[in-house]
Amino acid sequence: MEHRELEYVGFWVRVVASLIDTVLLMLIVMPLLAAVYGRGYLDTSIGAVPGTPDLLISWVLPAVAVIAFWIARQATPGKMLFQARIVDARTGREPSAGQCIGRYLAYFVSSIPFCLGFLWVAIDRRKQGWHDKLAGTVVVRPARGGVAPVVFPEGDAFPEPAGVSRHSPRIEKTGGKQ
């Protein structure tokens, strides 16, 4: 089913959203690491992972935070700034928790061969990176015009009650000026 109200989110918007998320995570992670290890933590004389707190704060905390945002809001703060959200590629509905976890783990697959899996977003028709393809997700936002409409092969992302005629769904604005 085609949805002209939505468009796929392209490479550069996703790069900027990712940079915003990285800065926000650093604002949380770096003070925590400094509190545990002291100001000398950033010295290169310290090994890659000096201990369990470093593993938990640098790797586990960001993973849990990102996955939690995807499950709760379908987006991280960076994506939210662009009104982008992650949806199931087949139905357009919220991705399952399993898809969110799989998508995060698939980031490692996308990054291994020279980040080719992330760069794939720039050339893919549906703007999917390898992590999106592996998890069965796409990133969409309200259409701004000039981009091909989003297609969900297995149904309507905005199902209507039985007996109601099929027509394009309405996207209602919340908050702000009407």
N, C-alpha and C. Protein backbone atom coordinates (compact mmCIF):
# COMPACT_ATOMS: atom_id res chain seq x y z
N MET A 1 0.85 -1.18 0.00
CA MET A 1 0.00 0.00 0.00
C MET A 1 0.90 1.24 0.00
N GLU A 2 0.55 2.21 -0.82
CA GLU A 2 1.32 3.43 -0.98
C GLU A 2 0.84 4.51 -0.01
N HIS A 3 1.78 5.25 0.57
CA HIS A 3 1.44 6.32 1.51
C HIS A 3 2.14 7.59 1.09
N ARG A 4 1.40 8.47 0.42
CA ARG A 4 1.98 9.72 -0.07
C ARG A 4 2.27 10.70 1.07
N GLU A 5 1.73 10.43 2.26
CA GLU A 5 1.95 11.32 3.39
C GLU A 5 3.32 11.11 4.03
N LEU A 6 3.98 10.02 3.64
CA LEU A 6 5.27 9.67 4.23
C LEU A 6 6.34 9.62 3.15
N GLU A 7 7.58 9.86 3.57
CA GLU A 7 8.72 9.69 2.67
C GLU A 7 9.83 8.98 3.42
N TYR A 8 10.70 8.30 2.67
CA TYR A 8 11.86 7.66 3.28
C TYR A 8 12.85 8.73 3.69
N VAL A 9 13.54 8.50 4.78
CA VAL A 9 14.53 9.47 5.27
C VAL A 9 15.88 9.11 4.66
N GLY A 10 16.48 10.07 4.00
CA GLY A 10 17.72 9.84 3.26
C GLY A 10 18.98 9.86 4.09
N PHE A 11 20.07 9.67 3.39
CA PHE A 11 21.39 9.51 3.99
C PHE A 11 21.81 10.69 4.86
N TRP A 12 21.78 11.90 4.33
CA TRP A 12 22.33 13.05 5.06
C TRP A 12 21.52 13.40 6.29
N VAL A 13 20.21 13.29 6.22
CA VAL A 13 19.38 13.53 7.41
C VAL A 13 19.73 12.51 8.48
N ARG A 14 19.91 11.27 8.08
CA ARG A 14 20.25 10.22 9.04
C ARG A 14 21.65 10.42 9.62
N VAL A 15 22.58 10.94 8.82
CA VAL A 15 23.93 11.24 9.33
C VAL A 15 23.85 12.32 10.40
N VAL A 16 23.13 13.40 10.11
CA VAL A 16 23.01 14.49 11.08
C VAL A 16 22.32 14.00 12.35
N ALA A 17 21.25 13.21 12.20
CA ALA A 17 20.55 12.67 13.38
C ALA A 17 21.49 11.80 14.21
N SER A 18 22.32 11.02 13.54
CA SER A 18 23.28 10.17 14.24
C SER A 18 24.34 10.99 14.98
N LEU A 19 24.79 12.06 14.36
CA LEU A 19 25.76 12.94 15.02
C LEU A 19 25.15 13.60 16.26
N ILE A 20 23.90 14.01 16.17
CA ILE A 20 23.22 14.59 17.33
C ILE A 20 23.12 13.56 18.45
N ASP A 21 22.73 12.34 18.10
CA ASP A 21 22.64 11.27 19.11
C ASP A 21 24.00 10.97 19.74
N THR A 22 25.06 10.99 18.92
CA THR A 22 26.40 10.73 19.43
C THR A 22 26.83 11.79 20.44
N VAL A 23 26.57 13.05 20.12
CA VAL A 23 26.91 14.13 21.04
C VAL A 23 26.12 13.99 22.35
N LEU A 24 24.83 13.71 22.25
CA LEU A 24 24.01 13.54 23.45
C LEU A 24 24.52 12.37 24.31
N LEU A 25 24.87 11.26 23.67
CA LEU A 25 25.40 10.12 24.42
C LEU A 25 26.74 10.47 25.08
N MET A 26 27.58 11.21 24.36
CA MET A 26 28.87 11.60 24.93
C MET A 26 28.69 12.51 26.15
N LEU A 27 27.66 13.36 26.12
CA LEU A 27 27.39 14.24 27.26
C LEU A 27 26.98 13.45 28.50
N ILE A 28 26.51 12.24 28.31
CA ILE A 28 26.14 11.38 29.43
C ILE A 28 27.29 10.44 29.81
N VAL A 29 27.89 9.82 28.80
CA VAL A 29 28.91 8.80 29.03
C VAL A 29 30.22 9.39 29.58
N MET A 30 30.71 10.46 29.00
CA MET A 30 32.02 10.99 29.41
C MET A 30 32.05 11.43 30.88
N PRO A 31 31.06 12.16 31.38
CA PRO A 31 31.09 12.50 32.80
C PRO A 31 31.02 11.26 33.71
N LEU A 32 30.26 10.26 33.31
CA LEU A 32 30.19 9.02 34.10
C LEU A 32 31.55 8.33 34.14
N LEU A 33 32.22 8.26 33.00
CA LEU A 33 33.54 7.64 32.96
C LEU A 33 34.56 8.45 33.77
N ALA A 34 34.47 9.76 33.67
CA ALA A 34 35.38 10.62 34.45
C ALA A 34 35.13 10.45 35.95
N ALA A 35 33.87 10.26 36.32
CA ALA A 35 33.55 10.06 37.74
C ALA A 35 34.11 8.75 38.25
N VAL A 36 34.11 7.73 37.42
CA VAL A 36 34.61 6.41 37.83
C VAL A 36 36.14 6.35 37.76
N TYR A 37 36.73 6.83 36.67
CA TYR A 37 38.16 6.66 36.44
C TYR A 37 38.99 7.92 36.68
N GLY A 38 38.37 9.05 36.88
CA GLY A 38 39.10 10.29 37.04
C GLY A 38 39.33 10.98 35.71
N ARG A 39 39.86 12.18 35.78
CA ARG A 39 40.06 12.98 34.56
C ARG A 39 41.08 12.37 33.61
N GLY A 40 41.92 11.52 34.08
CA GLY A 40 42.94 10.90 33.24
C GLY A 40 42.41 9.80 32.35
N TYR A 41 41.14 9.57 32.39
CA TYR A 41 40.54 8.49 31.59
C TYR A 41 40.85 8.63 30.10
N LEU A 42 40.87 9.84 29.61
CA LEU A 42 41.07 10.05 28.18
C LEU A 42 42.52 9.89 27.73
N ASP A 43 43.45 9.70 28.68
CA ASP A 43 44.84 9.46 28.30
C ASP A 43 44.94 8.17 27.50
N THR A 44 45.76 8.18 26.50
CA THR A 44 45.90 7.00 25.65
C THR A 44 46.64 5.86 26.35
N SER A 45 47.23 6.12 27.52
CA SER A 45 47.95 5.08 28.23
C SER A 45 47.01 4.02 28.81
N ILE A 46 45.73 4.36 28.94
CA ILE A 46 44.75 3.40 29.43
C ILE A 46 44.35 2.49 28.28
N GLY A 47 44.16 1.19 28.57
CA GLY A 47 43.78 0.22 27.54
C GLY A 47 42.43 0.52 26.93
N ALA A 48 42.04 -0.28 25.94
CA ALA A 48 40.79 -0.08 25.21
C ALA A 48 39.58 -0.16 26.14
N VAL A 49 39.54 -1.16 27.01
CA VAL A 49 38.45 -1.29 27.98
C VAL A 49 39.10 -1.57 29.33
N PRO A 50 39.32 -0.52 30.14
CA PRO A 50 40.05 -0.68 31.39
C PRO A 50 39.33 -1.50 32.46
N GLY A 51 38.06 -1.72 32.33
CA GLY A 51 37.37 -2.50 33.35
C GLY A 51 35.89 -2.63 33.08
N THR A 52 35.23 -3.32 33.98
CA THR A 52 33.80 -3.55 33.84
C THR A 52 32.99 -2.26 33.79
N PRO A 53 33.29 -1.25 34.63
CA PRO A 53 32.52 0.00 34.52
C PRO A 53 32.62 0.62 33.13
N ASP A 54 33.82 0.56 32.52
CA ASP A 54 33.98 1.11 31.19
C ASP A 54 33.12 0.36 30.18
N LEU A 55 33.11 -0.96 30.26
CA LEU A 55 32.29 -1.77 29.38
C LEU A 55 30.81 -1.43 29.54
N LEU A 56 30.36 -1.33 30.79
CA LEU A 56 28.95 -1.03 31.04
C LEU A 56 28.56 0.37 30.60
N ILE A 57 29.42 1.35 30.89
CA ILE A 57 29.10 2.75 30.58
C ILE A 57 29.29 3.06 29.09
N SER A 58 30.35 2.54 28.48
CA SER A 58 30.67 2.88 27.09
C SER A 58 29.93 2.04 26.06
N TRP A 59 29.57 0.82 26.40
CA TRP A 59 28.96 -0.08 25.42
C TRP A 59 27.52 -0.46 25.77
N VAL A 60 27.30 -0.92 26.99
CA VAL A 60 25.98 -1.43 27.36
C VAL A 60 24.97 -0.29 27.53
N LEU A 61 25.33 0.77 28.26
CA LEU A 61 24.42 1.89 28.47
C LEU A 61 23.94 2.52 27.16
N PRO A 62 24.83 2.85 26.21
CA PRO A 62 24.34 3.41 24.95
C PRO A 62 23.44 2.44 24.18
N ALA A 63 23.78 1.16 24.18
CA ALA A 63 22.94 0.17 23.48
C ALA A 63 21.55 0.11 24.10
N VAL A 64 21.49 0.04 25.41
CA VAL A 64 20.19 -0.02 26.09
C VAL A 64 19.40 1.27 25.85
N ALA A 65 20.06 2.41 25.90
CA ALA A 65 19.38 3.69 25.69
C ALA A 65 18.79 3.79 24.28
N VAL A 66 19.58 3.44 23.28
CA VAL A 66 19.12 3.52 21.89
C VAL A 66 17.95 2.57 21.66
N ILE A 67 18.10 1.33 22.10
CA ILE A 67 17.03 0.34 21.91
C ILE A 67 15.77 0.76 22.66
N ALA A 68 15.93 1.30 23.86
CA ALA A 68 14.77 1.76 24.63
C ALA A 68 14.04 2.89 23.91
N PHE A 69 14.79 3.83 23.32
CA PHE A 69 14.16 4.91 22.55
C PHE A 69 13.44 4.35 21.33
N TRP A 70 14.06 3.40 20.64
CA TRP A 70 13.41 2.81 19.47
C TRP A 70 12.11 2.12 19.84
N ILE A 71 12.12 1.40 20.97
CA ILE A 71 10.91 0.68 21.39
C ILE A 71 9.83 1.67 21.85
N ALA A 72 10.23 2.65 22.66
CA ALA A 72 9.25 3.59 23.24
C ALA A 72 8.78 4.66 22.26
N ARG A 73 9.68 5.19 21.43
CA ARG A 73 9.35 6.35 20.60
C ARG A 73 9.55 6.12 19.10
N GLN A 74 10.07 4.96 18.72
CA GLN A 74 10.39 4.63 17.33
C GLN A 74 11.50 5.52 16.77
N ALA A 75 12.21 6.20 17.62
CA ALA A 75 13.27 7.10 17.17
C ALA A 75 14.15 7.50 18.35
N THR A 76 15.36 7.87 18.02
CA THR A 76 16.25 8.49 19.01
C THR A 76 16.02 10.00 18.96
N PRO A 77 16.55 10.75 19.92
CA PRO A 77 16.34 12.21 19.89
C PRO A 77 16.76 12.87 18.57
N GLY A 78 17.86 12.41 17.98
CA GLY A 78 18.29 12.98 16.70
C GLY A 78 17.26 12.78 15.60
N LYS A 79 16.71 11.58 15.51
CA LYS A 79 15.68 11.31 14.51
C LYS A 79 14.41 12.10 14.83
N MET A 80 14.08 12.24 16.10
CA MET A 80 12.88 12.98 16.49
C MET A 80 12.94 14.43 16.00
N LEU A 81 14.12 15.03 16.00
CA LEU A 81 14.25 16.41 15.52
C LEU A 81 13.83 16.56 14.06
N PHE A 82 13.95 15.47 13.31
CA PHE A 82 13.55 15.47 11.90
C PHE A 82 12.20 14.80 11.67
N GLN A 83 11.49 14.52 12.74
CA GLN A 83 10.21 13.82 12.70
C GLN A 83 10.32 12.46 12.03
N ALA A 84 11.50 11.87 12.10
CA ALA A 84 11.73 10.55 11.52
C ALA A 84 11.40 9.48 12.55
N ARG A 85 10.95 8.33 12.04
CA ARG A 85 10.69 7.22 12.94
C ARG A 85 10.95 5.91 12.22
N ILE A 86 11.27 4.92 13.00
CA ILE A 86 11.56 3.58 12.48
C ILE A 86 10.25 2.80 12.48
N VAL A 87 9.95 2.15 11.35
CA VAL A 87 8.74 1.34 11.25
C VAL A 87 9.08 0.01 10.60
N ASP A 88 8.18 -0.96 10.77
CA ASP A 88 8.31 -2.25 10.12
C ASP A 88 8.21 -2.02 8.61
N ALA A 89 9.14 -2.57 7.85
CA ALA A 89 9.21 -2.33 6.41
C ALA A 89 8.05 -2.95 5.65
N ARG A 90 7.44 -3.99 6.19
CA ARG A 90 6.35 -4.66 5.48
C ARG A 90 4.98 -4.05 5.78
N THR A 91 4.78 -3.62 7.03
CA THR A 91 3.44 -3.19 7.44
C THR A 91 3.34 -1.70 7.75
N GLY A 92 4.45 -1.05 8.06
CA GLY A 92 4.42 0.36 8.45
C GLY A 92 4.08 0.56 9.91
N ARG A 93 3.90 -0.51 10.64
CA ARG A 93 3.58 -0.41 12.07
C ARG A 93 4.86 -0.33 12.88
N GLU A 94 4.69 -0.13 14.19
CA GLU A 94 5.85 -0.07 15.09
C GLU A 94 6.66 -1.35 14.97
N PRO A 95 7.99 -1.23 14.98
CA PRO A 95 8.79 -2.45 14.95
C PRO A 95 8.68 -3.17 16.30
N SER A 96 8.86 -4.48 16.27
CA SER A 96 8.82 -5.26 17.51
C SER A 96 10.11 -5.02 18.29
N ALA A 97 10.10 -5.39 19.55
CA ALA A 97 11.31 -5.29 20.37
C ALA A 97 12.43 -6.11 19.75
N GLY A 98 12.08 -7.28 19.21
CA GLY A 98 13.07 -8.13 18.55
C GLY A 98 13.70 -7.44 17.35
N GLN A 99 12.87 -6.73 16.56
CA GLN A 99 13.41 -5.99 15.42
C GLN A 99 14.35 -4.88 15.89
N CYS A 100 13.99 -4.21 16.97
CA CYS A 100 14.83 -3.12 17.49
C CYS A 100 16.18 -3.66 17.97
N ILE A 101 16.15 -4.75 18.70
CA ILE A 101 17.40 -5.35 19.18
C ILE A 101 18.23 -5.85 17.99
N GLY A 102 17.56 -6.53 17.06
CA GLY A 102 18.26 -7.02 15.87
C GLY A 102 18.84 -5.88 15.04
N ARG A 103 18.12 -4.78 14.95
CA ARG A 103 18.60 -3.62 14.20
C ARG A 103 19.87 -3.07 14.83
N TYR A 104 19.88 -2.99 16.17
CA TYR A 104 21.08 -2.48 16.84
C TYR A 104 22.26 -3.42 16.62
N LEU A 105 22.04 -4.72 16.78
CA LEU A 105 23.13 -5.69 16.57
C LEU A 105 23.60 -5.66 15.12
N ALA A 106 22.69 -5.41 14.19
CA ALA A 106 23.05 -5.35 12.78
C ALA A 106 23.89 -4.11 12.45
N TYR A 107 23.92 -3.13 13.35
CA TYR A 107 24.84 -1.99 13.16
C TYR A 107 26.27 -2.49 13.02
N PHE A 108 26.63 -3.53 13.75
CA PHE A 108 27.98 -4.05 13.67
C PHE A 108 28.25 -4.63 12.29
N VAL A 109 27.26 -5.29 11.71
CA VAL A 109 27.39 -5.82 10.35
C VAL A 109 27.54 -4.66 9.37
N SER A 110 26.75 -3.62 9.55
CA SER A 110 26.82 -2.45 8.65
C SER A 110 28.16 -1.74 8.73
N SER A 111 28.82 -1.80 9.88
CA SER A 111 30.06 -1.05 10.06
C SER A 111 31.32 -1.81 9.65
N ILE A 112 31.26 -3.12 9.64
CA ILE A 112 32.49 -3.91 9.42
C ILE A 112 33.17 -3.62 8.08
N PRO A 113 32.49 -3.76 6.95
CA PRO A 113 33.22 -3.53 5.69
C PRO A 113 33.25 -2.05 5.31
N PHE A 114 34.09 -1.26 5.99
CA PHE A 114 34.26 0.16 5.69
C PHE A 114 32.96 0.96 5.80
N CYS A 115 32.09 0.57 6.71
CA CYS A 115 30.79 1.23 6.93
C CYS A 115 29.90 1.20 5.69
N LEU A 116 30.14 0.25 4.82
CA LEU A 116 29.37 0.14 3.58
C LEU A 116 27.88 -0.04 3.85
N GLY A 117 27.54 -0.73 4.93
CA GLY A 117 26.13 -0.94 5.27
C GLY A 117 25.40 0.35 5.61
N PHE A 118 26.12 1.33 6.15
CA PHE A 118 25.52 2.64 6.43
C PHE A 118 25.46 3.48 5.15
N LEU A 119 26.52 3.41 4.36
CA LEU A 119 26.56 4.16 3.10
C LEU A 119 25.48 3.67 2.13
N TRP A 120 25.05 2.43 2.30
CA TRP A 120 24.03 1.84 1.44
C TRP A 120 22.74 2.67 1.43
N VAL A 121 22.48 3.38 2.52
CA VAL A 121 21.28 4.23 2.62
C VAL A 121 21.25 5.22 1.45
N ALA A 122 22.41 5.71 1.03
CA ALA A 122 22.48 6.72 -0.03
C ALA A 122 22.05 6.19 -1.39
N ILE A 123 22.20 4.88 -1.63
CA ILE A 123 21.90 4.35 -2.96
C ILE A 123 20.67 3.45 -3.00
N ASP A 124 20.14 3.09 -1.85
CA ASP A 124 19.00 2.17 -1.81
C ASP A 124 17.70 2.89 -2.14
N ARG A 125 16.84 2.25 -2.91
CA ARG A 125 15.56 2.83 -3.32
C ARG A 125 14.70 3.20 -2.12
N ARG A 126 14.70 2.36 -1.06
CA ARG A 126 13.89 2.62 0.14
C ARG A 126 14.73 3.26 1.25
N LYS A 127 15.94 3.67 0.92
CA LYS A 127 16.85 4.33 1.87
C LYS A 127 17.13 3.45 3.10
N GLN A 128 17.27 2.13 2.85
CA GLN A 128 17.57 1.19 3.92
C GLN A 128 19.06 0.89 3.97
N GLY A 129 19.64 0.96 5.18
CA GLY A 129 20.97 0.46 5.39
C GLY A 129 20.89 -1.05 5.58
N TRP A 130 22.03 -1.71 5.64
CA TRP A 130 22.02 -3.17 5.84
C TRP A 130 21.33 -3.52 7.14
N HIS A 131 21.52 -2.68 8.17
CA HIS A 131 20.88 -2.95 9.47
C HIS A 131 19.35 -2.89 9.34
N ASP A 132 18.85 -1.99 8.51
CA ASP A 132 17.41 -1.91 8.26
C ASP A 132 16.93 -3.16 7.52
N LYS A 133 17.67 -3.55 6.51
CA LYS A 133 17.28 -4.73 5.72
C LYS A 133 17.28 -5.98 6.60
N LEU A 134 18.30 -6.14 7.42
CA LEU A 134 18.39 -7.33 8.29
C LEU A 134 17.28 -7.35 9.33
N ALA A 135 16.89 -6.17 9.82
CA ALA A 135 15.85 -6.10 10.86
C ALA A 135 14.44 -5.97 10.27
N GLY A 136 14.34 -5.72 8.97
CA GLY A 136 13.03 -5.55 8.36
C GLY A 136 12.38 -4.21 8.72
N THR A 137 13.18 -3.14 8.72
CA THR A 137 12.68 -1.82 9.08
C THR A 137 13.01 -0.79 7.99
N VAL A 138 12.28 0.32 8.03
CA VAL A 138 12.60 1.50 7.22
C VAL A 138 12.45 2.72 8.11
N VAL A 139 13.09 3.81 7.71
CA VAL A 139 12.98 5.06 8.45
C VAL A 139 12.18 6.03 7.59
N VAL A 140 11.08 6.55 8.16
CA VAL A 140 10.17 7.42 7.42
C VAL A 140 9.91 8.71 8.21
N ARG A 141 9.35 9.68 7.50
CA ARG A 141 8.90 10.92 8.14
C ARG A 141 7.78 11.50 7.29
N PRO A 142 7.06 12.50 7.83
CA PRO A 142 6.01 13.13 7.01
C PRO A 142 6.62 13.69 5.73
N ALA A 143 5.93 13.50 4.61
CA ALA A 143 6.44 13.91 3.30
C ALA A 143 6.61 15.42 3.22
N ARG A 144 7.69 15.81 2.58
CA ARG A 144 7.96 17.22 2.34
C ARG A 144 7.86 17.53 0.85
N GLY A 145 7.54 16.54 0.04
CA GLY A 145 7.37 16.72 -1.40
C GLY A 145 8.61 16.37 -2.19
N GLY A 146 8.38 15.94 -3.42
CA GLY A 146 9.49 15.67 -4.32
C GLY A 146 10.14 14.31 -4.13
N VAL A 147 9.65 13.50 -3.23
CA VAL A 147 10.24 12.18 -2.98
C VAL A 147 9.17 11.13 -3.25
N ALA A 148 9.59 9.96 -3.73
CA ALA A 148 8.65 8.87 -3.98
C ALA A 148 7.94 8.49 -2.69
N PRO A 149 6.65 8.18 -2.78
CA PRO A 149 5.90 7.81 -1.57
C PRO A 149 6.38 6.49 -0.99
N VAL A 150 6.15 6.31 0.29
CA VAL A 150 6.53 5.09 0.99
C VAL A 150 5.56 3.98 0.61
N VAL A 151 6.09 2.78 0.42
CA VAL A 151 5.27 1.63 0.10
C VAL A 151 5.47 0.56 1.16
N PHE A 152 4.36 0.08 1.73
CA PHE A 152 4.39 -1.04 2.67
C PHE A 152 3.72 -2.22 1.99
N PRO A 153 4.48 -3.23 1.59
CA PRO A 153 3.94 -4.33 0.80
C PRO A 153 2.84 -5.15 1.48
N GLU A 154 2.88 -5.28 2.78
CA GLU A 154 1.92 -6.14 3.47
C GLU A 154 0.88 -5.36 4.25
N GLY A 155 0.19 -4.49 3.61
CA GLY A 155 -0.93 -3.87 4.30
C GLY A 155 -0.81 -2.39 4.50
N ASP A 156 -1.79 -1.92 5.21
CA ASP A 156 -1.99 -0.51 5.47
C ASP A 156 -1.41 -0.15 6.82
N ALA A 157 -0.53 0.82 6.86
CA ALA A 157 0.04 1.25 8.13
C ALA A 157 -0.99 1.94 9.00
N PHE A 158 -2.11 2.34 8.39
CA PHE A 158 -3.15 3.04 9.12
C PHE A 158 -4.47 2.31 8.88
N PRO A 159 -4.62 1.11 9.44
CA PRO A 159 -5.82 0.33 9.15
C PRO A 159 -7.09 1.02 9.63
N GLU A 160 -8.16 0.86 8.85
CA GLU A 160 -9.45 1.44 9.20
C GLU A 160 -10.37 0.33 9.68
N PRO A 161 -11.38 0.66 10.46
CA PRO A 161 -12.33 -0.36 10.90
C PRO A 161 -13.02 -1.03 9.72
N ALA A 162 -13.48 -2.27 9.92
CA ALA A 162 -14.18 -3.01 8.87
C ALA A 162 -15.39 -2.22 8.40
N GLY A 163 -15.67 -2.30 7.10
CA GLY A 163 -16.84 -1.63 6.56
C GLY A 163 -16.60 -0.18 6.15
N VAL A 164 -15.43 0.36 6.43
CA VAL A 164 -15.12 1.74 6.07
C VAL A 164 -14.35 1.71 4.76
N SER A 165 -14.70 2.61 3.84
CA SER A 165 -14.03 2.62 2.55
C SER A 165 -12.56 2.97 2.70
N ARG A 166 -11.77 2.42 1.79
CA ARG A 166 -10.33 2.67 1.81
C ARG A 166 -10.03 4.00 1.12
N HIS A 167 -9.31 4.84 1.81
CA HIS A 167 -8.83 6.09 1.23
C HIS A 167 -7.57 6.46 1.97
N SER A 168 -6.88 7.46 1.49
CA SER A 168 -5.61 7.86 2.11
C SER A 168 -5.82 8.26 3.56
N PRO A 169 -4.95 7.79 4.45
CA PRO A 169 -5.08 8.15 5.86
C PRO A 169 -4.71 9.60 6.10
N ARG A 170 -5.28 10.17 7.16
CA ARG A 170 -4.98 11.53 7.56
C ARG A 170 -3.89 11.51 8.61
N ILE A 171 -2.96 12.42 8.50
CA ILE A 171 -1.98 12.61 9.56
C ILE A 171 -2.34 13.91 10.25
N GLU A 172 -2.66 13.81 11.51
CA GLU A 172 -3.07 14.99 12.26
C GLU A 172 -1.89 15.58 12.98
N LYS A 173 -1.80 16.90 12.96
CA LYS A 173 -0.75 17.58 13.70
C LYS A 173 -1.12 17.62 15.17
N THR A 174 -0.09 17.49 15.99
CA THR A 174 -0.32 17.63 17.43
C THR A 174 0.50 18.81 17.92
N GLY A 175 -0.11 19.64 18.71
CA GLY A 175 0.57 20.80 19.27
C GLY A 175 0.86 21.84 18.19
N GLY A 176 1.41 22.94 18.58
CA GLY A 176 1.80 24.00 17.65
C GLY A 176 0.61 24.67 17.02
N LYS A 177 0.87 25.53 16.03
CA LYS A 177 -0.19 26.25 15.32
C LYS A 177 -0.87 25.33 14.34
N GLN A 178 -2.15 25.49 14.19
CA GLN A 178 -2.93 24.67 13.25
C GLN A 178 -3.19 25.43 11.99
